[in-house]
Amino acid sequence: MTPELTVLALAILLQTAQFIVYAVQANLDVGPGYTMSARDREPSRNLSVRAGRLQRALNNHFEGLILFTAAVALVTLSGQATVFTAWCGWIYLVARVVYVPAYVLGWRPGRSFIWMAGFTATVAMVISTLV
């Protein structure tokens, strides 16, 4: 397996871990009665600030993971995996790992710079297949 595919697998596991952490916090905040319901109404209790941030970080990773997956597929299927694209993959993953606590703890503007590192690494992977 290429390094890029390994990083993709790890990024998926990170997404899974993020979901679990968010789900536990949401259940603590609004109760399992609501979280296991059809959610036809608003919860009687609101999510905490922490749960809201965990949810937004999770959603942000879903969005980033779509682009990263496409970049990995492009690099892998075109046979253009290089040391550069491997480094880009690892930069993406490290940025995503650091982004979660940065978001939850409200690091500003650091959180945006961390996000930009992962996004830039993803775009660089794509551009590398075109040159």
Protein backbone atom coordinates (compact mmCIF):
# COMPACT_ATOMS: atom_id res chain seq x y z
CA MET A 1 0.00 0.00 0.00
CA THR A 2 1.29 3.46 -0.86
CA PRO A 3 2.02 5.95 1.91
CA GLU A 4 -0.83 8.11 0.62
CA LEU A 5 -3.30 5.24 0.99
CA THR A 6 -1.95 4.50 4.48
CA VAL A 7 -2.53 8.12 5.47
CA LEU A 8 -6.03 7.95 3.99
CA ALA A 9 -6.80 4.88 6.13
CA LEU A 10 -5.50 6.69 9.21
CA ALA A 11 -7.53 9.80 8.34
CA ILE A 12 -10.65 7.63 8.15
CA LEU A 13 -9.84 6.21 11.59
CA LEU A 14 -9.33 9.76 12.87
CA GLN A 15 -12.77 10.64 11.51
CA THR A 16 -14.18 7.63 13.35
CA ALA A 17 -12.53 8.71 16.60
CA GLN A 18 -13.86 12.25 16.15
CA PHE A 19 -17.36 10.89 15.65
CA ILE A 20 -17.14 8.78 18.81
CA VAL A 21 -15.90 11.69 20.93
CA TYR A 22 -18.64 13.95 19.56
CA ALA A 23 -21.35 11.30 20.02
CA VAL A 24 -20.40 10.70 23.65
CA GLN A 25 -20.45 14.44 24.39
CA ALA A 26 -23.76 14.93 22.56
CA ASN A 27 -25.34 12.08 24.51
CA LEU A 28 -24.15 13.64 27.74
CA ASP A 29 -25.55 17.02 26.71
CA VAL A 30 -28.98 16.20 25.26
CA GLY A 31 -29.48 12.66 26.52
CA PRO A 32 -29.75 9.35 24.71
CA GLY A 33 -33.53 9.68 24.51
CA TYR A 34 -33.09 12.48 22.01
CA THR A 35 -30.01 11.16 20.21
CA MET A 36 -31.70 7.80 19.58
CA SER A 37 -34.95 9.41 18.45
CA ALA A 38 -36.03 10.36 14.93
CA ARG A 39 -35.19 13.97 15.89
CA ASP A 40 -38.48 15.36 14.61
CA ARG A 41 -38.22 18.17 17.14
CA GLU A 42 -35.50 20.27 18.65
CA PRO A 43 -33.84 18.80 21.76
CA SER A 44 -35.13 20.01 25.11
CA ARG A 45 -31.52 20.75 26.08
CA ASN A 46 -28.92 22.41 23.88
CA LEU A 47 -25.51 21.06 23.00
CA SER A 48 -22.70 22.46 25.11
CA VAL A 49 -20.14 24.78 23.53
CA ARG A 50 -17.68 21.88 23.57
CA ALA A 51 -20.10 19.54 21.77
CA GLY A 52 -20.88 22.23 19.21
CA ARG A 53 -17.20 22.69 18.49
CA LEU A 54 -16.66 18.92 18.30
CA GLN A 55 -19.54 18.71 15.83
CA ARG A 56 -18.18 21.52 13.66
CA ALA A 57 -14.67 20.02 13.70
CA LEU A 58 -16.18 16.67 12.68
CA ASN A 59 -18.16 18.26 9.84
CA ASN A 60 -15.07 20.17 8.74
CA HIS A 61 -13.12 16.93 8.54
CA PHE A 62 -15.87 15.33 6.44
CA GLU A 63 -15.45 18.20 3.98
CA GLY A 64 -11.66 18.01 3.99
CA LEU A 65 -11.63 14.24 3.76
CA ILE A 66 -13.61 14.35 0.53
CA LEU A 67 -10.93 16.47 -1.15
CA PHE A 68 -8.10 14.49 0.40
CA THR A 69 -9.62 11.20 -0.75
CA ALA A 70 -9.91 12.58 -4.29
CA ALA A 71 -6.28 13.74 -4.17
CA VAL A 72 -5.09 10.33 -2.95
CA ALA A 73 -7.14 8.58 -5.65
CA LEU A 74 -5.70 10.87 -8.31
CA VAL A 75 -2.11 10.32 -7.16
CA THR A 76 -2.55 6.57 -6.75
CA LEU A 77 -4.54 5.83 -9.90
CA SER A 78 -2.24 7.94 -12.06
CA GLY A 79 0.81 6.15 -10.64
CA GLN A 80 2.36 9.45 -9.58
CA ALA A 81 3.01 8.74 -5.90
CA THR A 82 6.28 10.35 -4.86
CA VAL A 83 8.10 11.32 -1.69
CA PHE A 84 6.50 14.75 -2.11
CA THR A 85 2.95 13.39 -2.27
CA ALA A 86 3.66 11.13 0.73
CA TRP A 87 4.83 14.16 2.72
CA CYS A 88 1.73 16.06 1.66
CA GLY A 89 -0.40 13.21 2.96
CA TRP A 90 1.35 13.16 6.31
CA ILE A 91 1.09 16.95 6.59
CA TYR A 92 -2.65 16.68 5.95
CA LEU A 93 -3.05 14.03 8.65
CA VAL A 94 -0.97 15.85 11.26
CA ALA A 95 -2.88 19.06 10.54
CA ARG A 96 -6.20 17.24 11.00
CA VAL A 97 -5.07 15.67 14.27
CA VAL A 98 -3.94 19.05 15.63
CA TYR A 99 -7.02 20.83 14.23
CA VAL A 100 -9.43 18.98 16.53
CA PRO A 101 -8.05 20.30 19.84
CA ALA A 102 -7.36 23.66 18.18
CA TYR A 103 -11.04 23.95 17.30
CA VAL A 104 -12.37 22.59 20.59
CA LEU A 105 -10.11 24.89 22.62
CA GLY A 106 -10.86 27.92 20.43
CA TRP A 107 -7.32 28.64 19.24
CA ARG A 108 -7.56 31.74 17.08
CA PRO A 109 -6.02 32.37 14.60
CA GLY A 110 -3.95 29.19 15.00
CA ARG A 111 -6.86 26.95 14.10
CA SER A 112 -7.15 28.66 10.70
CA PHE A 113 -3.43 28.26 10.02
CA ILE A 114 -3.60 24.58 10.93
CA TRP A 115 -6.59 24.11 8.60
CA MET A 116 -4.71 25.92 5.82
CA ALA A 117 -1.72 23.58 6.19
CA GLY A 118 -3.90 20.53 5.59
CA PHE A 119 -5.79 22.17 2.74
CA THR A 120 -2.58 23.36 1.07
CA ALA A 121 -1.05 19.88 1.33
CA THR A 122 -4.14 18.42 -0.35
CA VAL A 123 -4.06 20.94 -3.19
CA ALA A 124 -0.31 20.43 -3.60
CA MET A 125 -0.91 16.70 -4.09
CA VAL A 126 -3.35 17.44 -6.89
CA ILE A 127 -1.11 20.02 -8.55
CA SER A 128 1.83 17.60 -8.41
CA THR A 129 -0.04 15.24 -10.74
CA LEU A 130 -0.43 17.99 -13.34
CA VAL A 131 3.20 19.07 -13.58
